[in-house]
Amino acid sequence: MKKLPVFTLARCKQCGICGHFCPKEAIRFDEHGTPFLADPEACTSCGLCVDMCPDWAVFLSLPEEEESGTETV
């Protein structure tokens, strides 16, 4: 039940800082520079991506199925 990074794309300026500071390289970027969590298993929920984002575009949250107590099959 670890929290994972969620990206608020309306705030994100595609600067790449979140991925640069990720110690496990779990954050990657698409062809437009938009961040996404490429490797949830590698993420340690350290929060560096949240702390380093200058635009407050990243936060940690439980995955949806864990928050609701249900799992999508």
C-alpha atoms as a PDB file:
ATOM      1  CA  MET A   1       0.000   0.000   0.000  1.00  0.00           C
ATOM      2  CA  LYS A   2       2.641   2.509  -0.961  1.00  0.00           C
ATOM      3  CA  LYS A   3       1.822   5.891  -2.382  1.00  0.00           C
ATOM      4  CA  LEU A   4       2.878   6.613  -5.944  1.00  0.00           C
ATOM      5  CA  PRO A   5       3.447   9.880  -7.802  1.00  0.00           C
ATOM      6  CA  VAL A   6       0.505  11.412  -9.618  1.00  0.00           C
ATOM      7  CA  PHE A   7       1.103  14.214 -12.097  1.00  0.00           C
ATOM      8  CA  THR A   8      -1.223  17.215 -12.425  1.00  0.00           C
ATOM      9  CA  LEU A   9      -0.688  17.855 -16.106  1.00  0.00           C
ATOM     10  CA  ALA A  10      -2.447  21.237 -16.047  1.00  0.00           C
ATOM     11  CA  ARG A  11       0.347  22.503 -13.758  1.00  0.00           C
ATOM     12  CA  CYS A  12       3.237  20.581 -15.327  1.00  0.00           C
ATOM     13  CA  LYS A  13       5.611  22.583 -17.521  1.00  0.00           C
ATOM     14  CA  GLN A  14       7.530  19.486 -18.705  1.00  0.00           C
ATOM     15  CA  CYS A  15      10.759  20.717 -17.110  1.00  0.00           C
ATOM     16  CA  GLY A  16      11.954  17.174 -16.307  1.00  0.00           C
ATOM     17  CA  ILE A  17      13.023  17.918 -12.743  1.00  0.00           C
ATOM     18  CA  CYS A  18      10.823  15.189 -11.233  1.00  0.00           C
ATOM     19  CA  GLY A  19      12.488  12.504 -13.328  1.00  0.00           C
ATOM     20  CA  HIS A  20      15.954  13.951 -12.867  1.00  0.00           C
ATOM     21  CA  PHE A  21      15.722  13.623  -9.086  1.00  0.00           C
ATOM     22  CA  CYS A  22      14.050  10.187  -9.029  1.00  0.00           C
ATOM     23  CA  PRO A  23      16.711   7.929  -7.472  1.00  0.00           C
ATOM     24  CA  LYS A  24      15.184   4.808  -9.054  1.00  0.00           C
ATOM     25  CA  GLU A  25      14.527   6.299 -12.519  1.00  0.00           C
ATOM     26  CA  ALA A  26      10.865   5.279 -12.173  1.00  0.00           C
ATOM     27  CA  ILE A  27       9.640   8.464 -13.878  1.00  0.00           C
ATOM     28  CA  ARG A  28       9.972   8.734 -17.644  1.00  0.00           C
ATOM     29  CA  PHE A  29       8.763  11.211 -20.243  1.00  0.00           C
ATOM     30  CA  ASP A  30       6.745  10.798 -23.418  1.00  0.00           C
ATOM     31  CA  GLU A  31       7.698  12.370 -26.749  1.00  0.00           C
ATOM     32  CA  HIS A  32       6.211  15.703 -25.598  1.00  0.00           C
ATOM     33  CA  GLY A  33       8.142  15.734 -22.325  1.00  0.00           C
ATOM     34  CA  THR A  34       5.109  14.823 -20.233  1.00  0.00           C
ATOM     35  CA  PRO A  35       6.074  12.754 -17.172  1.00  0.00           C
ATOM     36  CA  PHE A  36       4.571   9.380 -16.323  1.00  0.00           C
ATOM     37  CA  LEU A  37       5.354   6.659 -13.813  1.00  0.00           C
ATOM     38  CA  ALA A  38       7.043   4.054 -15.998  1.00  0.00           C
ATOM     39  CA  ASP A  39       8.032   1.653 -13.232  1.00  0.00           C
ATOM     40  CA  PRO A  40       5.703   1.650 -10.190  1.00  0.00           C
ATOM     41  CA  GLU A  41       7.562  -1.300  -8.660  1.00  0.00           C
ATOM     42  CA  ALA A  42      10.831   0.659  -8.632  1.00  0.00           C
ATOM     43  CA  CYS A  43       9.255   3.704  -6.963  1.00  0.00           C
ATOM     44  CA  THR A  44      10.107   3.884  -3.252  1.00  0.00           C
ATOM     45  CA  SER A  45       7.629   6.689  -2.432  1.00  0.00           C
ATOM     46  CA  CYS A  46      10.553   8.842  -1.294  1.00  0.00           C
ATOM     47  CA  GLY A  47       8.781  12.034  -2.388  1.00  0.00           C
ATOM     48  CA  LEU A  48      11.757  13.680  -4.086  1.00  0.00           C
ATOM     49  CA  CYS A  49       9.680  14.219  -7.222  1.00  0.00           C
ATOM     50  CA  VAL A  50       7.096  16.062  -5.112  1.00  0.00           C
ATOM     51  CA  ASP A  51       9.653  18.095  -3.177  1.00  0.00           C
ATOM     52  CA  MET A  52      11.654  19.148  -6.229  1.00  0.00           C
ATOM     53  CA  CYS A  53       8.787  20.080  -8.574  1.00  0.00           C
ATOM     54  CA  PRO A  54       8.792  23.891  -8.843  1.00  0.00           C
ATOM     55  CA  ASP A  55       5.180  23.954 -10.059  1.00  0.00           C
ATOM     56  CA  TRP A  56       3.551  21.696  -7.429  1.00  0.00           C
ATOM     57  CA  ALA A  57       2.469  19.385 -10.242  1.00  0.00           C
ATOM     58  CA  VAL A  58       3.317  16.112  -8.469  1.00  0.00           C
ATOM     59  CA  PHE A  59       1.775  14.542  -5.383  1.00  0.00           C
ATOM     60  CA  LEU A  60       1.839  11.095  -3.812  1.00  0.00           C
ATOM     61  CA  SER A  61      -1.375   9.086  -3.636  1.00  0.00           C
ATOM     62  CA  LEU A  62      -2.482   5.518  -3.123  1.00  0.00           C
ATOM     63  CA  PRO A  63      -3.369   3.786  -6.390  1.00  0.00           C
ATOM     64  CA  GLU A  64      -7.124   4.018  -7.100  1.00  0.00           C
ATOM     65  CA  GLU A  65      -7.896   0.366  -6.412  1.00  0.00           C
ATOM     66  CA  GLU A  66      -6.197   0.582  -3.001  1.00  0.00           C
ATOM     67  CA  GLU A  67      -7.968   3.836  -2.083  1.00  0.00           C
ATOM     68  CA  SER A  68     -11.419   2.447  -2.815  1.00  0.00           C
ATOM     69  CA  GLY A  69     -10.732  -0.997  -1.426  1.00  0.00           C
ATOM     70  CA  THR A  70     -11.657  -2.589  -4.743  1.00  0.00           C
ATOM     71  CA  GLU A  71      -9.586  -3.924  -7.552  1.00  0.00           C
ATOM     72  CA  THR A  72     -10.266  -3.604 -11.254  1.00  0.00           C
ATOM     73  CA  VAL A  73     -10.257  -7.017 -12.926  1.00  0.00           C
END
